[in-house]
N, C-alpha and C. Protein backbone atom coordinates (compact mmCIF):
# COMPACT_ATOMS: atom_id res chain seq x y z
N MET A 1 22.64 -53.69 -47.92
CA MET A 1 23.59 -52.88 -48.00
C MET A 1 23.92 -52.14 -46.62
N HIS A 2 23.24 -52.09 -45.28
CA HIS A 2 23.75 -51.67 -44.56
C HIS A 2 25.43 -52.28 -43.72
N LEU A 3 25.05 -53.71 -44.15
CA LEU A 3 26.53 -54.72 -43.63
C LEU A 3 27.39 -54.13 -44.38
N GLN A 4 27.04 -54.35 -46.18
CA GLN A 4 28.37 -54.40 -46.79
C GLN A 4 29.02 -52.69 -46.74
N PHE A 5 28.19 -52.04 -46.18
CA PHE A 5 28.32 -50.21 -45.86
C PHE A 5 29.28 -50.53 -44.85
N LEU A 6 29.06 -51.36 -43.71
CA LEU A 6 29.62 -50.91 -42.64
C LEU A 6 30.69 -52.17 -42.56
N HIS A 7 31.16 -52.90 -43.06
CA HIS A 7 31.98 -53.77 -43.55
C HIS A 7 33.06 -53.33 -44.28
N TYR A 8 32.87 -52.24 -45.28
CA TYR A 8 33.81 -51.67 -46.03
C TYR A 8 34.75 -50.33 -45.58
N TYR A 9 32.66 -49.81 -45.21
CA TYR A 9 33.49 -48.21 -44.33
C TYR A 9 33.48 -47.89 -43.17
N LYS A 10 33.23 -48.72 -42.20
CA LYS A 10 33.39 -48.09 -40.99
C LYS A 10 34.39 -47.97 -40.14
N ASP A 11 35.72 -48.56 -40.48
CA ASP A 11 36.35 -48.36 -39.64
C ASP A 11 36.78 -46.72 -40.44
N TYR A 12 36.89 -46.56 -41.98
CA TYR A 12 37.66 -45.76 -42.84
C TYR A 12 36.47 -44.28 -42.07
N LEU A 13 35.55 -44.59 -41.48
CA LEU A 13 34.61 -43.55 -41.06
C LEU A 13 35.08 -42.75 -40.39
N LYS A 14 35.49 -43.46 -39.62
CA LYS A 14 35.85 -43.73 -37.82
C LYS A 14 37.61 -42.91 -38.00
N LYS A 15 38.29 -43.33 -39.07
CA LYS A 15 39.26 -42.67 -39.08
C LYS A 15 39.36 -41.17 -39.60
N ARG A 16 38.32 -40.88 -40.30
CA ARG A 16 38.20 -39.70 -41.09
C ARG A 16 37.33 -38.64 -39.90
N GLY A 17 37.60 -39.43 -38.88
CA GLY A 17 36.61 -38.75 -37.28
C GLY A 17 34.82 -38.45 -37.31
N LEU A 18 34.26 -39.61 -38.25
CA LEU A 18 33.01 -39.42 -37.71
C LEU A 18 32.94 -40.57 -36.54
N ASN A 19 31.66 -40.36 -35.53
CA ASN A 19 31.56 -40.67 -34.43
C ASN A 19 30.11 -41.92 -34.56
N ASN A 20 29.91 -42.67 -33.92
CA ASN A 20 28.98 -44.00 -33.90
C ASN A 20 27.74 -43.63 -34.35
N LYS A 21 27.22 -42.25 -33.94
CA LYS A 21 25.78 -42.14 -33.93
C LYS A 21 26.32 -41.66 -35.93
N GLN A 22 27.03 -40.23 -35.70
CA GLN A 22 26.96 -39.78 -37.48
C GLN A 22 27.31 -40.78 -38.72
N ILE A 23 27.75 -42.12 -37.83
CA ILE A 23 28.26 -43.12 -38.79
C ILE A 23 26.63 -43.77 -39.23
N GLU A 24 26.20 -43.93 -38.18
CA GLU A 24 24.79 -44.98 -38.26
C GLU A 24 23.86 -43.84 -39.01
N ASP A 25 23.78 -42.17 -38.47
CA ASP A 25 22.93 -41.58 -39.54
C ASP A 25 22.96 -41.97 -40.62
N LEU A 26 24.56 -42.05 -41.19
CA LEU A 26 24.95 -42.08 -42.77
C LEU A 26 24.53 -43.43 -43.45
N LYS A 27 24.95 -44.29 -42.84
CA LYS A 27 24.17 -45.60 -43.33
C LYS A 27 22.69 -45.71 -43.48
N GLU A 28 22.27 -45.49 -42.22
CA GLU A 28 20.33 -45.19 -42.74
C GLU A 28 20.21 -44.72 -43.75
N SER A 29 21.12 -43.34 -43.95
CA SER A 29 20.28 -42.44 -45.16
C SER A 29 21.04 -42.79 -46.29
N LEU A 30 21.80 -43.42 -46.45
CA LEU A 30 22.64 -43.86 -47.62
C LEU A 30 21.74 -44.98 -48.11
N THR A 31 20.28 -45.38 -47.81
CA THR A 31 19.20 -46.89 -48.85
C THR A 31 18.74 -45.59 -49.64
N PHE A 32 18.76 -44.49 -49.73
CA PHE A 32 18.14 -43.85 -51.17
C PHE A 32 18.48 -44.15 -51.92
N LEU A 33 19.52 -45.01 -52.04
CA LEU A 33 20.32 -44.84 -53.05
C LEU A 33 19.77 -46.21 -53.60
N LEU A 34 19.15 -47.25 -53.13
CA LEU A 34 18.58 -48.20 -53.84
C LEU A 34 17.64 -48.12 -54.60
N ASN A 35 17.01 -46.75 -54.96
CA ASN A 35 15.30 -46.18 -55.56
C ASN A 35 16.65 -45.55 -56.33
N GLU A 36 17.51 -45.26 -57.06
CA GLU A 36 18.29 -45.03 -57.95
C GLU A 36 18.34 -46.05 -59.19
N PRO A 37 18.19 -45.10 -60.20
CA PRO A 37 17.93 -45.99 -61.86
C PRO A 37 19.43 -47.27 -61.46
N GLU A 38 20.37 -47.14 -61.08
CA GLU A 38 21.16 -48.01 -61.20
C GLU A 38 20.82 -48.95 -60.26
N PHE A 39 20.30 -48.92 -59.61
CA PHE A 39 19.60 -50.56 -58.73
C PHE A 39 17.89 -51.09 -59.53
N GLU A 40 17.39 -50.22 -59.98
CA GLU A 40 16.03 -50.56 -60.15
C GLU A 40 15.75 -52.16 -60.85
N GLU A 41 16.52 -53.14 -61.26
CA GLU A 41 16.36 -53.75 -62.08
C GLU A 41 16.72 -54.79 -60.59
N ILE A 42 17.38 -54.47 -59.35
CA ILE A 42 17.33 -55.75 -58.39
C ILE A 42 16.45 -55.74 -56.97
N ILE A 43 15.79 -54.27 -57.32
CA ILE A 43 15.18 -53.64 -56.39
C ILE A 43 13.34 -53.67 -56.15
N LEU A 44 13.20 -54.58 -55.86
CA LEU A 44 11.65 -54.73 -56.17
C LEU A 44 10.25 -54.11 -55.23
N VAL A 45 10.43 -53.23 -54.36
CA VAL A 45 9.89 -51.96 -53.14
C VAL A 45 11.15 -51.03 -53.25
N GLU A 46 10.53 -49.76 -53.26
CA GLU A 46 10.90 -48.73 -53.01
C GLU A 46 11.55 -48.56 -51.17
N ASP A 47 12.41 -48.01 -51.18
CA ASP A 47 13.03 -47.91 -49.50
C ASP A 47 12.73 -46.40 -49.49
N LYS A 48 11.61 -46.44 -48.39
CA LYS A 48 11.38 -45.19 -47.62
C LYS A 48 12.16 -44.86 -46.56
N GLY A 49 12.80 -45.74 -46.30
CA GLY A 49 13.82 -44.87 -45.02
C GLY A 49 13.10 -44.32 -43.48
N TYR A 50 13.78 -44.08 -42.47
CA TYR A 50 12.73 -43.79 -41.17
C TYR A 50 13.13 -42.52 -41.57
N PRO A 51 11.56 -41.76 -40.82
CA PRO A 51 11.46 -40.05 -40.55
C PRO A 51 12.55 -39.35 -40.25
N ASP A 52 13.26 -39.50 -39.32
CA ASP A 52 14.61 -38.83 -39.05
C ASP A 52 15.80 -38.30 -39.99
N HIS A 53 15.77 -39.53 -40.73
CA HIS A 53 16.45 -39.39 -41.98
C HIS A 53 16.07 -38.68 -43.43
N GLN A 54 15.00 -38.32 -43.08
CA GLN A 54 14.32 -38.18 -44.66
C GLN A 54 15.07 -36.68 -45.18
N LYS A 55 15.90 -35.50 -44.31
CA LYS A 55 16.50 -34.93 -44.73
C LYS A 55 17.82 -35.09 -45.29
N MET A 56 18.08 -35.88 -44.73
CA MET A 56 19.44 -36.39 -44.72
C MET A 56 19.69 -36.71 -45.84
N ARG A 57 18.93 -38.17 -46.61
CA ARG A 57 18.29 -38.42 -47.50
C ARG A 57 18.41 -37.92 -48.89
N SER A 58 17.45 -36.36 -49.01
CA SER A 58 17.18 -35.67 -49.84
C SER A 58 18.63 -35.55 -49.90
N GLN A 59 19.53 -33.93 -48.93
CA GLN A 59 20.88 -34.18 -49.19
C GLN A 59 21.79 -34.75 -50.20
N LEU A 60 21.59 -36.31 -49.13
CA LEU A 60 22.65 -36.99 -49.93
C LEU A 60 22.19 -37.32 -51.45
N ARG A 61 20.69 -37.58 -51.79
CA ARG A 61 20.75 -37.66 -53.25
C ARG A 61 21.29 -36.84 -54.13
N LYS A 62 20.90 -35.33 -53.86
CA LYS A 62 21.08 -34.24 -54.90
C LYS A 62 22.77 -34.35 -54.76
N VAL A 63 23.83 -34.88 -53.61
CA VAL A 63 25.18 -34.79 -53.99
C VAL A 63 25.27 -36.60 -54.78
N TRP A 64 24.85 -36.93 -54.44
CA TRP A 64 24.48 -38.32 -55.10
C TRP A 64 24.83 -37.76 -57.29
N ARG A 65 23.36 -37.28 -57.77
CA ARG A 65 22.86 -37.24 -58.72
C ARG A 65 24.11 -36.41 -59.61
N ARG A 66 24.90 -35.33 -58.70
CA ARG A 66 25.73 -34.35 -59.40
C ARG A 66 27.10 -35.40 -60.04
N ASP A 67 27.63 -36.41 -59.41
CA ASP A 67 28.81 -37.24 -59.77
C ASP A 67 28.72 -38.46 -60.49
N LYS A 68 27.92 -39.22 -59.22
CA LYS A 68 27.52 -40.59 -58.88
C LYS A 68 28.64 -41.37 -59.52
N SER A 69 29.65 -40.49 -58.72
CA SER A 69 30.87 -41.48 -58.30
C SER A 69 30.89 -41.59 -56.35
N PHE A 70 30.89 -43.03 -55.73
CA PHE A 70 30.60 -43.24 -54.30
C PHE A 70 31.08 -42.55 -53.87
N SER A 71 32.99 -42.64 -54.44
CA SER A 71 34.61 -41.94 -54.09
C SER A 71 33.97 -40.37 -53.57
N ILE A 72 33.42 -39.68 -54.63
CA ILE A 72 33.58 -38.39 -54.35
C ILE A 72 32.29 -38.22 -53.22
N PHE A 73 30.78 -38.62 -53.75
CA PHE A 73 30.42 -38.65 -52.90
C PHE A 73 30.58 -38.85 -51.13
N LEU A 74 31.11 -40.24 -50.76
CA LEU A 74 31.39 -40.11 -49.79
C LEU A 74 32.32 -38.96 -48.92
N GLU A 75 33.12 -38.90 -49.41
CA GLU A 75 33.88 -37.63 -49.49
C GLU A 75 33.24 -36.58 -48.48
N LYS A 76 32.47 -35.73 -49.73
CA LYS A 76 31.35 -34.74 -49.34
C LYS A 76 30.66 -35.03 -48.09
N SER A 77 29.91 -36.05 -48.01
CA SER A 77 29.40 -36.26 -47.06
C SER A 77 30.51 -36.51 -45.68
N ILE A 78 31.39 -37.48 -45.97
CA ILE A 78 31.96 -37.10 -44.36
C ILE A 78 32.54 -35.63 -43.59
N LYS A 79 32.50 -34.89 -45.17
CA LYS A 79 33.27 -33.44 -44.51
C LYS A 79 32.10 -32.81 -44.18
N THR A 80 30.97 -32.83 -44.74
CA THR A 80 29.69 -31.90 -44.15
C THR A 80 29.57 -32.51 -42.77
N ILE A 81 29.13 -33.90 -42.87
CA ILE A 81 28.46 -34.33 -41.49
C ILE A 81 29.58 -33.99 -39.95
N LYS A 82 30.89 -33.95 -40.30
CA LYS A 82 32.09 -33.44 -39.29
C LYS A 82 31.64 -31.90 -38.99
N LYS A 83 31.23 -31.19 -39.87
CA LYS A 83 31.03 -29.69 -39.38
C LYS A 83 29.66 -29.85 -38.73
N GLY A 84 29.26 -30.59 -38.89
CA GLY A 84 27.90 -30.52 -38.60
C GLY A 84 26.53 -29.78 -39.55
N ARG A 85 27.22 -29.62 -40.48
CA ARG A 85 26.28 -28.61 -41.68
C ARG A 85 25.47 -29.73 -42.37
N LYS A 86 24.31 -29.10 -43.54
CA LYS A 86 23.82 -30.05 -44.55
C LYS A 86 24.63 -30.48 -44.89
N ILE A 87 24.33 -31.25 -45.62
CA ILE A 87 25.13 -31.92 -46.81
C ILE A 87 25.40 -31.45 -47.83
N LEU A 88 24.92 -30.46 -48.21
CA LEU A 88 24.86 -29.81 -49.72
C LEU A 88 25.99 -28.43 -49.48
């Protein structure tokens, strides 16, 4: 997931104003998606992520579950990360 995310979105995220640390934190936090019902048939073990990213993962999960649209989810995440606020 990390490689695909960076391949498709790293340049876009940089153009939107995120720095490398913000992109890395978002990349690491996004793996919560692997635990969502949409992926249950292909993931054998729950992804727990790193302790430093638990708060962001929790916030991102709430955003994801509202719309389940990756484009909406990504835009909300970018705006909030740039402002240094909570994801919600």
